[in-house]
Amino acid sequence: MAHRTEVHETPHEAAGAPGAQPQGRFSHLPERIRPQDTVETKPATLPDPTRDTYNPDEWLIRYCG
């Protein structure tokens, strides 16, 4: 046995005129955002050679100096 449901009109359809634009908060889509506007680019920094060098006597300078 098939179960039947009644078809209800939406408030937009019940308003009457076909093709009438709904007025209100959700009546239109927001502005489109281009993919180019969603990416931020900034130049990379150059590596600092004095910061990344290995100093085998660093522990002496830190703890005994």
N, C-alpha and C. Protein backbone atom coordinates (compact mmCIF):
# COMPACT_ATOMS: atom_id res chain seq x y z
N MET A 1 0.84 -1.18 0.00
CA MET A 1 0.00 0.00 0.00
C MET A 1 0.88 1.24 0.00
N ALA A 2 0.64 2.13 -0.89
CA ALA A 2 1.44 3.33 -1.03
C ALA A 2 0.96 4.39 -0.05
N HIS A 3 1.90 5.08 0.51
CA HIS A 3 1.59 6.18 1.42
C HIS A 3 1.58 7.48 0.62
N ARG A 4 0.54 8.20 0.69
CA ARG A 4 0.43 9.45 -0.06
C ARG A 4 0.57 10.64 0.88
N THR A 5 1.27 11.64 0.37
CA THR A 5 1.40 12.88 1.13
C THR A 5 0.72 13.99 0.35
N GLU A 6 0.22 14.94 1.06
CA GLU A 6 -0.44 16.06 0.41
C GLU A 6 0.62 17.07 -0.02
N VAL A 7 0.37 17.68 -1.16
CA VAL A 7 1.27 18.71 -1.67
C VAL A 7 0.84 20.04 -1.08
N HIS A 8 1.78 20.69 -0.39
CA HIS A 8 1.49 22.00 0.20
C HIS A 8 2.20 23.07 -0.60
N GLU A 9 1.54 24.20 -0.73
CA GLU A 9 2.16 25.31 -1.43
C GLU A 9 3.14 26.02 -0.50
N THR A 10 4.25 26.47 -1.06
CA THR A 10 5.18 27.26 -0.28
C THR A 10 4.64 28.68 -0.20
N PRO A 11 5.10 29.47 0.75
CA PRO A 11 4.60 30.86 0.84
C PRO A 11 4.85 31.64 -0.44
N HIS A 12 5.94 31.33 -1.16
CA HIS A 12 6.23 32.03 -2.41
C HIS A 12 5.18 31.69 -3.47
N GLU A 13 4.82 30.42 -3.54
CA GLU A 13 3.82 30.00 -4.52
C GLU A 13 2.44 30.51 -4.13
N ALA A 14 2.19 30.59 -2.83
CA ALA A 14 0.89 31.05 -2.38
C ALA A 14 0.70 32.55 -2.60
N ALA A 15 1.81 33.29 -2.81
CA ALA A 15 1.70 34.73 -2.99
C ALA A 15 0.96 35.10 -4.27
N GLY A 16 0.97 34.20 -5.23
CA GLY A 16 0.16 34.48 -6.40
C GLY A 16 0.94 34.52 -7.69
N ALA A 17 1.50 35.65 -8.00
CA ALA A 17 2.09 35.87 -9.32
C ALA A 17 3.26 34.93 -9.59
N PRO A 18 3.18 34.18 -10.69
CA PRO A 18 4.33 33.35 -11.03
C PRO A 18 5.49 34.22 -11.50
N GLY A 19 6.67 33.95 -11.01
CA GLY A 19 7.84 34.73 -11.38
C GLY A 19 8.04 35.96 -10.52
N ALA A 20 7.21 36.13 -9.49
CA ALA A 20 7.39 37.27 -8.60
C ALA A 20 8.63 37.03 -7.74
N GLN A 21 9.45 38.06 -7.60
CA GLN A 21 10.69 37.95 -6.82
C GLN A 21 10.37 38.08 -5.33
N PRO A 22 10.90 37.16 -4.52
CA PRO A 22 10.69 37.30 -3.07
C PRO A 22 11.54 38.45 -2.54
N GLN A 23 11.01 39.19 -1.65
CA GLN A 23 11.72 40.32 -1.05
C GLN A 23 12.13 39.93 0.36
N GLY A 24 13.34 40.25 0.71
CA GLY A 24 13.77 39.96 2.06
C GLY A 24 15.24 39.65 2.14
N ARG A 25 15.62 39.09 3.24
CA ARG A 25 17.02 38.85 3.56
C ARG A 25 17.70 37.89 2.58
N PHE A 26 17.03 36.86 2.16
CA PHE A 26 17.63 35.84 1.32
C PHE A 26 17.14 35.91 -0.13
N SER A 27 16.83 37.10 -0.61
CA SER A 27 16.27 37.21 -1.94
C SER A 27 17.33 37.21 -3.05
N HIS A 28 18.63 37.39 -2.70
CA HIS A 28 19.67 37.36 -3.72
C HIS A 28 20.96 36.79 -3.14
N LEU A 29 21.82 36.33 -4.03
CA LEU A 29 23.10 35.76 -3.61
C LEU A 29 24.10 36.86 -3.32
N PRO A 30 25.07 36.59 -2.45
CA PRO A 30 26.10 37.60 -2.18
C PRO A 30 27.01 37.78 -3.39
N GLU A 31 27.83 38.82 -3.35
CA GLU A 31 28.75 39.07 -4.46
C GLU A 31 29.72 37.92 -4.59
N ARG A 32 30.12 37.64 -5.81
CA ARG A 32 31.05 36.56 -6.08
C ARG A 32 32.47 36.99 -5.73
N ILE A 33 33.23 36.10 -5.10
CA ILE A 33 34.62 36.38 -4.75
C ILE A 33 35.51 35.62 -5.72
N ARG A 34 36.40 36.36 -6.38
CA ARG A 34 37.30 35.73 -7.34
C ARG A 34 38.36 34.92 -6.61
N PRO A 35 38.79 33.79 -7.17
CA PRO A 35 39.86 33.00 -6.52
C PRO A 35 41.15 33.80 -6.34
N GLN A 36 41.44 34.75 -7.23
CA GLN A 36 42.64 35.56 -7.10
C GLN A 36 42.59 36.42 -5.83
N ASP A 37 41.39 36.76 -5.36
CA ASP A 37 41.26 37.59 -4.18
C ASP A 37 41.33 36.79 -2.88
N THR A 38 41.37 35.48 -2.96
CA THR A 38 41.39 34.67 -1.75
C THR A 38 42.79 34.22 -1.35
N VAL A 39 43.80 34.57 -2.16
CA VAL A 39 45.17 34.13 -1.89
C VAL A 39 46.03 35.35 -1.60
N GLU A 40 46.80 35.27 -0.51
CA GLU A 40 47.72 36.35 -0.18
C GLU A 40 49.13 35.90 -0.50
N THR A 41 49.86 36.72 -1.23
CA THR A 41 51.24 36.38 -1.56
C THR A 41 52.16 37.41 -0.93
N LYS A 42 53.28 36.94 -0.42
CA LYS A 42 54.30 37.84 0.09
C LYS A 42 55.66 37.21 -0.20
N PRO A 43 56.67 38.02 -0.40
CA PRO A 43 57.97 37.47 -0.77
C PRO A 43 58.57 36.67 0.37
N ALA A 44 59.27 35.62 -0.01
CA ALA A 44 59.95 34.79 0.99
C ALA A 44 61.20 35.51 1.47
N THR A 45 61.55 35.28 2.73
CA THR A 45 62.76 35.89 3.26
C THR A 45 63.96 35.03 2.91
N LEU A 46 65.08 35.67 2.76
CA LEU A 46 66.31 34.95 2.46
C LEU A 46 66.82 34.27 3.73
N PRO A 47 67.40 33.07 3.61
CA PRO A 47 67.91 32.40 4.80
C PRO A 47 69.10 33.17 5.39
N ASP A 48 69.16 33.20 6.71
CA ASP A 48 70.23 33.89 7.41
C ASP A 48 71.35 32.88 7.69
N PRO A 49 72.51 33.00 7.03
CA PRO A 49 73.56 32.00 7.21
C PRO A 49 74.16 32.01 8.61
N THR A 50 74.15 33.14 9.31
CA THR A 50 74.73 33.17 10.65
C THR A 50 73.81 32.51 11.67
N ARG A 51 72.54 32.46 11.38
CA ARG A 51 71.60 31.87 12.32
C ARG A 51 71.58 30.35 12.22
N ASP A 52 71.78 29.81 11.04
CA ASP A 52 71.64 28.38 10.83
C ASP A 52 72.96 27.61 10.87
N THR A 53 74.05 28.25 11.26
CA THR A 53 75.32 27.54 11.31
C THR A 53 75.44 26.77 12.62
N TYR A 54 76.17 25.70 12.59
CA TYR A 54 76.37 24.86 13.77
C TYR A 54 77.66 25.28 14.47
N ASN A 55 77.55 25.53 15.75
CA ASN A 55 78.70 25.90 16.55
C ASN A 55 78.88 24.83 17.62
N PRO A 56 79.95 24.00 17.54
CA PRO A 56 80.13 22.92 18.51
C PRO A 56 80.42 23.43 19.92
N ASP A 57 80.86 24.67 20.06
CA ASP A 57 81.17 25.21 21.39
C ASP A 57 80.03 26.07 21.95
N GLU A 58 78.86 26.00 21.35
CA GLU A 58 77.74 26.84 21.81
C GLU A 58 77.37 26.54 23.25
N TRP A 59 77.43 25.29 23.67
CA TRP A 59 77.08 24.95 25.05
C TRP A 59 78.05 25.59 26.03
N LEU A 60 79.32 25.75 25.65
CA LEU A 60 80.28 26.41 26.52
C LEU A 60 79.94 27.89 26.68
N ILE A 61 79.56 28.51 25.58
CA ILE A 61 79.23 29.92 25.62
C ILE A 61 77.97 30.14 26.45
N ARG A 62 76.98 29.26 26.31
CA ARG A 62 75.72 29.41 27.03
C ARG A 62 75.84 29.15 28.53
N TYR A 63 76.53 28.08 28.91
CA TYR A 63 76.50 27.63 30.29
C TYR A 63 77.74 28.01 31.10
N CYS A 64 78.85 28.24 30.44
CA CYS A 64 80.07 28.52 31.19
C CYS A 64 80.59 29.94 30.99
N GLY A 65 79.98 30.69 30.11
CA GLY A 65 80.51 32.01 29.76
C GLY A 65 79.94 33.05 30.56
